[in-house]
Amino acid sequence: MARYWTRQSGEAVDGNGDPIRVVSRGWSNESLEAAGAMARELARRVAERIASDGTKAKQYGYGDRPLPEPVLREFRNGGEAASAVITRNAYGALVLNARDLMFVDIDHGDAPTPGPGLVSSVLSLFGKPKAATPPPAIDAVVAGIQGVAERNGLAGRVYKTAAGYRVLVLSQRFEAGGSRSEELFREFGSDKLYVRLCKMQESFRARLTPKPWRCGLREPPVTFPFDDPKDEARFGEWEAQYTARVARYATCRFVASFGGGRMEPEFQELVEYHDRETKVSSGLELA
């Protein structure tokens, strides 16, 4: 996750002597000047590639480079390096990026399948008696998640989202992009693009505020980094509308915990912040 972002241009000349001008984003954790130098170099390389083969440069794919997101807040947990940061993504939502706290996003179709006996054990989480009839779908999904957790000796929490489920693994630290993390992502059935992004960003990501189109609002008219104060002002107007609109919605809803409530002490602040900002107990519509 980079602290400084900017846009700069670069040029090249094609075989006909015509100039090719490209604008690119650059990033740095050192300074805005260093970000500008990178942006100019990237733009120059892309311009030269276009000039040499006569085709349009391909856009970098999802997860091929750090995301251009402004850092709004840092959590340090008593250390010098940030343990988590809050950023705003391209469509305006706030995102928690955690270094060691594993978040797992699971779409409806990718949820793990529960094993024998797990459904009845999960039903007990909700205080329901065992039944011979098939349980509700949400219980089966949570049973599958609990099965993965039990096989791996993990403790955590499960949440319902608008498109699926979110799991927080609280009993130990993980490294985003590490082999152990990727193995667990596969077992949980996590979204592949999400896994790729976590690896590239070297952090686990969790969206804190709703997607604007789920709240009847369009995406921002401009994206960060802003080219000039006028664009920043346009974004500010959109942000005010977004803030007012998302107050009516929650991002996820708490479903159940597993593993006896074990938690690494340094995760406590992040979990409380996540639950407060996503409005897990509000009863509001998910978006």
Foldseek 3Di string as FASTA:
>chain_A
DFAEKDKDKEWDAAPVRDIFIFIAMFGHNPDNVNRHVRRHVVRNVQNVVCRYPVDHDDDDDQLNADFQWHWDDFDCLPHPDTQWTWTAHFQGFIKIWGQWKAKFAAFPVQQAFADPPLLQVLVVQVVDHDDPDDDDPVSRSVSQVQVLCVVVLWWWFWKAFPGGIMTITFQTTDWQLDPVSVVSNNSRRGDPSQSSNCNSNRTHMDTLFARQVVLVHGGQPDGPPDPDVVSVVSNVVSNVVRVVRRVQEAGIATDGIDNPPHGDVSCVVVVVVSCVSRVRPVPGHHD
